[in-house]
Amino acid sequence: MPNVTVIGAQWGDEGKGKIVDWLSERADVVVRFQGGHNAGHTLVVGNQTYKLSLLPSGIVRGTLSIIGNGVVFDPWHFRDEVARISGMGVAITPDNLQIAEQCPLILPLHRELDGAREDASGAGKIGTTRRGIGPAYEDKAGRRALRVCDLAHLDEIGPQLDRLLAHHNALRSGFGIAPVDREGLIAQLTEIAPSVLPFVRPVWTTLRDAKANRKRILFEGAQGVLLDVDHGTYPFVTSSNVVAGQAAAGSGMGPNATGYVLGIVKAYTTRVGSGPFPTELSDATGEKLGQRGHEFGTVTGRKRRCGWFDAVLVRQAIAVSGVAGMALTKLDVLDGFETLHICTGYTLDGRTLDHFPAHASDQARVMPIYESFEGWSESTAGARRWADLPAQAIKYIRRIEELTECPVALVSTSPERDDTILVRDPFMD
């Protein structure tokens, strides 16, 4: 019975939280392996809506949840999110939540730098969440980061803190920001450490033991492949690898542990922030998709840009991430559209392309080639069986499978946990 790795196969916001929550009923362990609290996973259970940013989605079901070493970790946000979700009746204890010792810390100085850069970038803005994610990853790569394990050794962080502040104070000077208050930062870390340390473990040993005991492990990605720092629409990307291969490095398990790769795909396309978007609809149809799909960022509240399904981008994301099956979400948003359109290719300077080019200027200039598709008037909302879907909706799904060269394993027909059609079980495939 394989493990399952869940990733977004578009620009994020595909509905990964619901799918991970639904699958976690079949899992023994859920692991976050990259990103930070810039993720936004919304779970709807009955009349209760849970909005998670840092906590793994499995925590709502009480499944053992792990924040892996590939995640950058904001301890203050962690404290607040645990308090908020606990206040909604979810038990969060060291028995069901573990944090990797090696997670780099997101500090106040990271958030300040993130905001200063965005404010100074003008037309070059990336559209970050301003939560310090990128600067924290930079410090990790620069070998100057403080890590979760340092919270237990604050009396020894002097040399590492000096390395960190030498870098950041030079940057802050350039932006006209006062130097970091060194002693104030140590005091903040001392204050927050007790909220984090009870959860800290060498999580690779937990996962090693789970694997040895043939436990089912569910790896939960954040963002989407089109935001991957290598394979996304660079520079309008996140600061980590989002592809399925990161599940191995970001959890402390080998690549043979990641198992079945499930790509979450929205039945249309959305994007938050800056960057190219070939099928974007800046008209009444795009507005209708946004309103019906409630397309606002879980973390930032920013309005999402909306457009038709782009099979070229999804096919590319599936290929570079080794996706074995798709979970198609928000199919119900398309109910009642007389005609749908699917992007099947691009034109660029008179040439036809079957892939998305790498250079930003080419990405901005491609024009979509559309295939028109007859819509359906019946409702798919709340459908839980394949037989409940209208014939045209099934044809739409089958055409997506053909164009992306990937089968659909799940179909989500509302935000509700149980409004999910299981076509093939990833844990049994």
Protein backbone atom coordinates (compact mmCIF):
# COMPACT_ATOMS: atom_id res chain seq x y z
CA MET A 1 0.00 0.00 0.00
CA PRO A 2 1.90 3.08 -1.22
CA ASN A 3 2.44 6.44 0.39
CA VAL A 4 0.90 9.43 -1.38
CA THR A 5 2.44 12.81 -2.22
CA VAL A 6 -0.04 15.63 -2.86
CA ILE A 7 1.08 18.67 -4.82
CA GLY A 8 -0.62 21.54 -6.61
CA ALA A 9 -0.27 21.30 -10.38
CA GLN A 10 -1.14 24.93 -11.18
CA TRP A 11 -0.35 28.21 -9.38
CA GLY A 12 -1.55 27.04 -5.98
CA ASP A 13 -5.05 27.51 -4.54
CA GLU A 14 -6.20 24.29 -6.23
CA GLY A 15 -7.91 22.90 -3.12
CA LYS A 16 -5.09 20.81 -1.67
CA GLY A 17 -6.27 21.28 1.92
CA LYS A 18 -9.60 19.56 1.36
CA ILE A 19 -8.03 16.69 -0.57
CA VAL A 20 -5.31 16.15 2.04
CA ASP A 21 -7.93 16.26 4.79
CA TRP A 22 -10.06 13.72 2.90
CA LEU A 23 -7.11 11.40 2.25
CA SER A 24 -5.80 11.73 5.81
CA GLU A 25 -8.67 9.52 6.97
CA ARG A 26 -6.78 6.74 5.17
CA ALA A 27 -3.32 7.89 6.31
CA ASP A 28 -1.36 7.30 9.49
CA VAL A 29 0.96 10.31 9.14
CA VAL A 30 0.69 13.64 7.27
CA VAL A 31 3.89 15.57 6.48
CA ARG A 32 4.37 19.17 5.29
CA PHE A 33 7.65 19.24 3.32
CA GLN A 34 8.16 22.77 1.93
CA GLY A 35 6.98 26.36 2.04
CA GLY A 36 5.94 28.18 5.16
CA HIS A 37 2.90 29.99 6.48
CA ASN A 38 2.37 31.48 3.03
CA ALA A 39 0.32 28.35 2.31
CA GLY A 40 -3.43 28.69 2.62
CA HIS A 41 -5.40 25.48 3.08
CA THR A 42 -9.13 25.75 3.72
CA LEU A 43 -11.06 22.79 5.15
CA VAL A 44 -14.85 22.76 5.43
CA VAL A 45 -16.24 20.19 7.86
CA GLY A 46 -19.98 20.52 8.37
CA ASN A 47 -20.62 24.07 9.55
CA GLN A 48 -17.00 24.63 10.57
CA THR A 49 -14.35 26.17 8.30
CA TYR A 50 -10.69 25.75 9.22
CA LYS A 51 -8.07 27.96 7.60
CA LEU A 52 -4.56 26.54 7.98
CA SER A 53 -1.29 28.13 6.90
CA LEU A 54 1.48 26.27 8.69
CA LEU A 55 -0.17 23.30 10.36
CA PRO A 56 -0.52 20.16 8.21
CA SER A 57 -4.11 19.58 7.10
CA GLY A 58 -4.22 16.17 8.80
CA ILE A 59 -4.30 17.84 12.22
CA VAL A 60 -8.05 18.48 11.93
CA ARG A 61 -8.70 14.72 11.90
CA GLY A 62 -6.17 14.09 14.66
CA THR A 63 -3.81 12.26 12.30
CA LEU A 64 -0.15 12.41 13.36
CA SER A 65 1.07 15.58 11.61
CA ILE A 66 4.68 16.55 10.95
CA ILE A 67 6.26 19.84 9.88
CA GLY A 68 9.28 18.62 7.94
CA ASN A 69 12.75 20.10 7.67
CA GLY A 70 11.99 21.62 4.24
CA VAL A 71 9.52 24.08 5.81
CA VAL A 72 10.62 27.53 6.97
CA PHE A 73 9.06 28.05 10.38
CA ASP A 74 7.65 31.21 11.98
CA PRO A 75 7.37 30.39 15.71
CA TRP A 76 5.10 33.35 16.48
CA HIS A 77 2.68 32.44 13.75
CA PHE A 78 2.83 28.82 14.93
CA ARG A 79 1.84 29.83 18.46
CA ASP A 80 -1.07 31.91 17.19
CA GLU A 81 -2.32 29.31 14.69
CA VAL A 82 -2.21 26.55 17.30
CA ALA A 83 -4.20 28.76 19.69
CA ARG A 84 -6.75 29.63 16.99
CA ILE A 85 -7.31 26.07 15.75
CA SER A 86 -7.30 24.67 19.30
CA GLY A 87 -9.99 27.21 20.12
CA MET A 88 -12.12 25.62 17.40
CA GLY A 89 -12.10 22.31 19.22
CA VAL A 90 -9.10 20.60 17.55
CA ALA A 91 -6.70 18.89 19.97
CA ILE A 92 -3.10 19.85 19.16
CA THR A 93 -0.47 18.22 21.37
CA PRO A 94 3.04 16.77 20.99
CA ASP A 95 1.29 13.42 20.58
CA ASN A 96 -0.21 14.41 17.22
CA LEU A 97 2.09 17.20 16.02
CA GLN A 98 5.87 17.16 15.57
CA ILE A 99 8.28 19.80 14.22
CA ALA A 100 11.62 18.95 12.61
CA GLU A 101 14.65 20.18 14.51
CA GLN A 102 16.27 21.48 11.32
CA CYS A 103 13.51 23.86 10.18
CA PRO A 104 14.96 27.34 9.52
CA LEU A 105 13.29 30.05 11.59
CA ILE A 106 11.43 32.96 10.05
CA LEU A 107 12.30 35.98 12.20
CA PRO A 108 10.83 39.50 12.34
CA LEU A 109 13.81 40.73 10.32
CA HIS A 110 12.79 38.42 7.46
CA ARG A 111 9.29 39.88 7.33
CA GLU A 112 10.70 43.41 7.39
CA LEU A 113 13.11 42.68 4.55
CA ASP A 114 10.40 40.99 2.48
CA GLY A 115 8.16 44.05 2.73
CA ALA A 116 10.97 46.53 2.08
CA ARG A 117 11.99 44.74 -1.10
CA GLU A 118 8.46 44.57 -2.45
CA ASP A 119 7.87 48.25 -1.71
CA ALA A 120 11.09 49.21 -3.50
CA SER A 121 10.60 46.98 -6.54
CA GLY A 122 8.03 49.04 -8.43
CA ALA A 123 7.04 47.24 -11.63
CA GLY A 124 9.37 44.39 -10.68
CA LYS A 125 7.24 43.28 -7.72
CA ILE A 126 7.01 39.51 -7.33
CA GLY A 127 3.75 39.65 -5.38
CA THR A 128 5.00 37.86 -2.27
CA THR A 129 2.87 37.38 0.84
CA ARG A 130 5.39 39.59 2.73
CA ARG A 131 5.69 36.91 5.40
CA GLY A 132 9.47 36.52 5.20
CA ILE A 133 9.46 33.19 3.36
CA GLY A 134 11.96 34.12 0.65
CA PRO A 135 14.49 35.84 2.92
CA ALA A 136 14.36 32.87 5.32
CA TYR A 137 15.16 30.44 2.49
CA GLU A 138 18.00 32.74 1.38
CA ASP A 139 19.52 32.57 4.85
CA LYS A 140 19.20 28.79 4.84
CA ALA A 141 21.11 28.58 1.56
CA GLY A 142 23.61 31.16 2.87
CA ARG A 143 24.27 29.01 5.96
CA ARG A 144 23.47 31.83 8.35
CA ALA A 145 19.92 30.82 9.40
CA LEU A 146 18.83 30.16 12.94
CA ARG A 147 16.95 26.88 13.16
CA VAL A 148 14.31 25.39 15.42
CA CYS A 149 16.96 23.40 17.30
CA ASP A 150 18.66 26.70 18.22
CA LEU A 151 15.68 27.55 20.42
CA ALA A 152 17.00 24.98 22.89
CA HIS A 153 20.50 26.51 22.80
CA LEU A 154 19.91 30.25 22.90
CA ASP A 155 22.93 30.74 25.16
CA GLU A 156 25.12 29.45 22.31
CA ILE A 157 23.72 31.30 19.27
CA GLY A 158 26.10 34.27 19.46
CA PRO A 159 28.43 33.39 16.53
CA GLN A 160 25.55 32.32 14.26
CA LEU A 161 23.53 35.40 15.18
CA ASP A 162 26.55 37.58 14.35
CA ARG A 163 26.73 36.00 10.88
CA LEU A 164 23.04 36.58 10.36
CA LEU A 165 23.03 40.20 11.50
CA ALA A 166 26.16 41.11 9.53
CA HIS A 167 24.22 40.22 6.41
CA HIS A 168 20.88 41.73 7.36
CA ASN A 169 22.13 44.96 8.84
CA ALA A 170 23.96 45.73 5.60
CA LEU A 171 20.74 45.14 3.64
CA ARG A 172 18.69 47.17 6.10
CA SER A 173 21.10 50.08 5.78
CA GLY A 174 20.50 50.11 2.04
CA PHE A 175 16.75 50.29 2.61
CA GLY A 176 17.08 52.94 5.30
CA ILE A 177 15.96 50.57 8.08
CA ALA A 178 17.56 50.72 11.53
CA PRO A 179 19.89 47.85 12.51
CA VAL A 180 18.36 44.83 14.23
CA ASP A 181 18.11 45.11 18.00
CA ARG A 182 20.30 42.10 18.83
CA GLU A 183 19.34 41.78 22.48
CA GLY A 184 15.71 42.45 21.69
CA LEU A 185 15.71 39.59 19.18
CA ILE A 186 17.26 37.22 21.72
CA ALA A 187 14.58 38.25 24.21
CA GLN A 188 11.85 37.53 21.64
CA LEU A 189 13.32 34.09 20.94
CA THR A 190 13.58 33.35 24.64
CA GLU A 191 9.92 34.27 25.08
CA ILE A 192 8.63 32.15 22.18
CA ALA A 193 10.81 29.05 22.67
CA PRO A 194 8.53 27.36 25.26
CA SER A 195 5.63 27.48 22.77
CA VAL A 196 7.63 25.48 20.23
CA LEU A 197 10.09 23.17 21.99
CA PRO A 198 7.56 20.62 23.32
CA PHE A 199 6.73 19.72 19.70
CA VAL A 200 10.31 19.44 18.43
CA ARG A 201 11.58 15.99 17.46
CA PRO A 202 14.09 14.30 15.15
CA VAL A 203 11.15 13.65 12.84
CA TRP A 204 13.21 11.58 10.42
CA THR A 205 13.22 8.86 13.09
CA THR A 206 9.42 9.05 13.40
CA LEU A 207 9.12 8.66 9.64
CA ARG A 208 11.75 5.91 9.53
CA ASP A 209 9.76 3.94 12.09
CA ALA A 210 6.48 4.62 10.29
CA LYS A 211 7.97 3.28 7.08
CA ALA A 212 9.39 0.21 8.84
CA ASN A 213 5.93 -0.50 10.30
CA ARG A 214 4.27 -0.08 6.87
CA LYS A 215 2.30 2.97 7.96
CA ARG A 216 0.64 5.05 5.28
CA ILE A 217 2.38 8.42 4.92
CA LEU A 218 0.74 11.36 3.17
CA PHE A 219 3.08 14.15 2.03
CA GLU A 220 1.37 17.56 1.78
CA GLY A 221 2.80 20.16 -0.58
CA ALA A 222 2.09 23.88 -0.57
CA GLN A 223 1.74 26.36 -3.47
CA GLY A 224 1.85 24.76 -6.96
CA VAL A 225 4.35 23.47 -9.52
CA LEU A 226 3.98 26.64 -11.62
CA LEU A 227 5.40 28.51 -8.59
CA ASP A 228 8.36 26.13 -8.23
CA VAL A 229 11.66 28.04 -8.04
CA ASP A 230 13.09 25.90 -10.88
CA HIS A 231 10.09 24.88 -12.95
CA GLY A 232 7.69 27.77 -12.41
CA THR A 233 7.13 31.15 -14.06
CA TYR A 234 10.42 32.60 -12.79
CA PRO A 235 10.93 35.14 -11.25
CA PHE A 236 7.25 35.19 -10.25
CA VAL A 237 7.63 32.07 -8.13
CA THR A 238 7.97 30.96 -4.53
CA SER A 239 11.37 30.36 -2.92
CA SER A 240 11.27 26.58 -2.64
CA ASN A 241 10.91 23.53 -4.84
CA VAL A 242 7.26 22.55 -5.00
CA VAL A 243 7.61 19.47 -7.22
CA ALA A 244 7.02 16.03 -5.73
CA GLY A 245 10.73 15.26 -5.52
CA GLN A 246 11.01 17.82 -2.71
CA ALA A 247 8.94 15.53 -0.48
CA ALA A 248 12.00 13.31 -0.06
CA ALA A 249 14.46 16.08 0.83
CA GLY A 250 11.98 18.13 2.84
CA SER A 251 10.91 15.26 5.08
CA GLY A 252 14.14 13.36 5.64
CA MET A 253 13.03 10.30 3.72
CA GLY A 254 14.51 8.82 0.58
CA PRO A 255 12.91 9.26 -2.85
CA ASN A 256 11.51 5.73 -2.76
CA ALA A 257 9.18 6.76 0.06
CA THR A 258 7.15 9.39 -1.77
CA GLY A 259 4.89 6.84 -3.47
CA TYR A 260 1.91 7.80 -5.62
CA VAL A 261 2.01 11.44 -6.74
CA LEU A 262 -1.41 13.09 -6.82
CA GLY A 263 -1.59 16.44 -8.60
CA ILE A 264 -4.41 18.75 -7.50
CA VAL A 265 -5.90 20.58 -10.49
CA LYS A 266 -8.68 23.14 -10.53
CA ALA A 267 -11.26 22.72 -13.35
CA TYR A 268 -10.32 26.22 -14.52
CA THR A 269 -7.22 28.33 -13.76
CA THR A 270 -6.45 30.94 -11.12
CA ARG A 271 -3.43 32.89 -10.00
CA VAL A 272 -2.68 35.28 -7.12
CA GLY A 273 -0.10 38.01 -7.52
CA SER A 274 2.06 39.07 -10.44
CA GLY A 275 3.31 37.05 -13.38
CA PRO A 276 2.19 35.66 -16.76
CA PHE A 277 -1.22 34.03 -17.15
CA PRO A 278 -2.02 33.10 -20.79
CA THR A 279 -5.71 32.21 -20.30
CA GLU A 280 -6.61 35.05 -17.93
CA LEU A 281 -10.07 36.52 -18.48
CA SER A 282 -10.31 40.23 -17.70
CA ASP A 283 -14.02 40.34 -18.51
CA ALA A 284 -17.40 39.37 -17.15
CA THR A 285 -16.66 35.66 -17.58
CA GLY A 286 -13.52 35.95 -15.46
CA GLU A 287 -15.49 37.89 -12.87
CA LYS A 288 -18.18 35.21 -12.86
CA LEU A 289 -15.61 32.46 -12.28
CA GLY A 290 -14.13 34.44 -9.40
CA GLN A 291 -17.47 35.11 -7.75
CA ARG A 292 -18.79 31.57 -8.10
CA GLY A 293 -15.48 30.07 -6.99
CA HIS A 294 -15.02 32.53 -4.08
CA GLU A 295 -11.56 33.21 -5.45
CA PHE A 296 -9.79 35.12 -2.72
CA GLY A 297 -6.44 34.09 -1.24
CA THR A 298 -6.75 32.22 2.08
CA VAL A 299 -3.59 33.86 3.45
CA THR A 300 -3.67 37.34 1.92
CA GLY A 301 -7.32 37.84 1.03
CA ARG A 302 -6.17 39.06 -2.39
CA LYS A 303 -8.53 38.58 -5.30
CA ARG A 304 -7.40 35.74 -7.57
CA ARG A 305 -7.06 36.23 -11.30
CA CYS A 306 -9.26 33.73 -13.18
CA GLY A 307 -9.18 32.11 -16.60
CA TRP A 308 -9.96 29.03 -18.66
CA PHE A 309 -8.31 25.67 -18.07
CA ASP A 310 -4.78 25.60 -19.49
CA ALA A 311 -3.98 22.01 -20.48
CA VAL A 312 -0.51 22.96 -21.70
CA LEU A 313 0.61 24.26 -18.31
CA VAL A 314 -0.95 21.35 -16.43
CA ARG A 315 0.60 18.78 -18.78
CA GLN A 316 3.99 20.42 -18.21
CA ALA A 317 3.53 20.47 -14.42
CA ILE A 318 2.50 16.82 -14.45
CA ALA A 319 5.56 15.84 -16.49
CA VAL A 320 8.18 17.64 -14.38
CA SER A 321 6.68 16.38 -11.12
CA GLY A 322 5.92 12.78 -12.03
CA VAL A 323 2.20 13.05 -11.31
CA ALA A 324 0.45 9.68 -11.54
CA GLY A 325 -3.11 10.94 -11.14
CA MET A 326 -5.10 14.15 -10.80
CA ALA A 327 -7.65 15.32 -8.26
CA LEU A 328 -9.94 17.68 -10.20
CA THR A 329 -11.47 20.34 -7.94
CA LYS A 330 -14.19 23.00 -8.23
CA LEU A 331 -15.95 21.28 -11.11
CA ASP A 332 -19.23 22.69 -9.76
CA VAL A 333 -18.07 26.27 -10.46
CA LEU A 334 -18.46 25.53 -14.19
CA ASP A 335 -22.13 24.49 -13.87
CA GLY A 336 -24.36 26.51 -16.17
CA PHE A 337 -21.70 27.83 -18.56
CA GLU A 338 -23.07 27.46 -22.08
CA THR A 339 -19.59 27.13 -23.59
CA LEU A 340 -16.25 26.32 -21.98
CA HIS A 341 -12.79 26.76 -23.46
CA ILE A 342 -9.62 24.73 -22.93
CA CYS A 343 -6.18 25.98 -23.93
CA THR A 344 -4.48 23.29 -26.05
CA GLY A 345 -1.39 25.21 -27.25
CA TYR A 346 0.13 28.65 -27.78
CA THR A 347 1.30 30.87 -30.56
CA LEU A 348 4.43 33.00 -30.16
CA ASP A 349 5.62 35.29 -32.94
CA GLY A 350 3.84 33.17 -35.55
CA ARG A 351 5.11 29.86 -34.15
CA THR A 352 2.95 27.21 -32.51
CA LEU A 353 4.17 25.89 -29.16
CA ASP A 354 3.09 22.79 -27.24
CA HIS A 355 4.87 23.92 -24.06
CA PHE A 356 5.28 27.04 -21.94
CA PRO A 357 8.56 28.85 -22.73
CA ALA A 358 11.10 29.52 -19.98
CA HIS A 359 11.86 33.21 -20.56
CA ALA A 360 9.63 35.77 -18.87
CA SER A 361 9.23 37.94 -21.98
CA ASP A 362 8.14 34.94 -24.07
CA GLN A 363 5.78 33.83 -21.31
CA ALA A 364 4.15 37.26 -21.31
CA ARG A 365 3.63 37.24 -25.10
CA VAL A 366 2.24 33.76 -25.79
CA MET A 367 -1.33 33.65 -27.03
CA PRO A 368 -3.57 30.70 -26.14
CA ILE A 369 -5.05 28.37 -28.74
CA TYR A 370 -8.51 27.37 -27.55
CA GLU A 371 -10.74 24.40 -28.08
CA SER A 372 -14.41 25.18 -27.46
CA PHE A 373 -16.41 22.76 -25.37
CA GLU A 374 -20.15 22.49 -24.80
CA GLY A 375 -21.06 23.11 -21.17
CA TRP A 376 -23.78 21.57 -19.03
CA SER A 377 -26.87 23.03 -17.38
CA GLU A 378 -27.28 20.39 -14.66
CA SER A 379 -25.70 20.82 -11.23
CA THR A 380 -22.61 18.88 -10.19
CA ALA A 381 -22.51 20.47 -6.74
CA GLY A 382 -22.34 17.86 -4.01
CA ALA A 383 -22.06 14.89 -6.37
CA ARG A 384 -20.43 11.89 -4.69
CA ARG A 385 -20.67 9.26 -7.45
CA TRP A 386 -19.40 9.25 -11.00
CA ALA A 387 -22.93 8.37 -12.14
CA ASP A 388 -24.22 11.62 -10.58
CA LEU A 389 -22.25 13.76 -13.04
CA PRO A 390 -23.87 15.15 -16.21
CA ALA A 391 -22.69 13.52 -19.43
CA GLN A 392 -21.06 16.75 -20.66
CA ALA A 393 -19.18 17.15 -17.39
CA ILE A 394 -17.80 13.63 -17.81
CA LYS A 395 -16.79 14.48 -21.38
CA TYR A 396 -15.01 17.61 -20.08
CA ILE A 397 -13.08 15.53 -17.55
CA ARG A 398 -12.17 12.94 -20.18
CA ARG A 399 -10.90 15.66 -22.51
CA ILE A 400 -8.73 17.07 -19.73
CA GLU A 401 -7.30 13.59 -19.17
CA GLU A 402 -6.48 13.30 -22.87
CA LEU A 403 -4.85 16.71 -23.15
CA THR A 404 -2.81 16.43 -19.95
CA GLU A 405 -1.93 12.77 -20.55
CA CYS A 406 -2.89 11.93 -16.97
CA PRO A 407 -5.90 10.11 -15.44
CA VAL A 408 -8.27 11.67 -12.92
CA ALA A 409 -8.24 9.86 -9.57
CA LEU A 410 -10.59 12.13 -7.59
CA VAL A 411 -13.22 14.74 -8.38
CA SER A 412 -14.22 17.40 -5.83
CA THR A 413 -17.66 18.92 -6.27
CA SER A 414 -17.83 21.37 -3.34
CA PRO A 415 -15.68 22.59 -0.43
CA GLU A 416 -17.40 20.03 1.85
CA ARG A 417 -15.13 17.19 2.98
CA ASP A 418 -17.37 14.36 1.75
CA ASP A 419 -18.42 15.85 -1.59
CA THR A 420 -15.68 13.90 -3.32
CA ILE A 421 -15.87 11.25 -6.04
CA LEU A 422 -13.24 8.52 -5.74
CA VAL A 423 -12.32 7.24 -9.19
CA ARG A 424 -9.21 5.35 -8.07
CA ASP A 425 -7.77 5.21 -4.56
CA PRO A 426 -4.19 6.58 -4.53
CA PHE A 427 -3.36 4.50 -1.46
CA MET A 428 -4.30 1.32 -3.33
CA ASP A 429 -2.95 2.17 -6.79
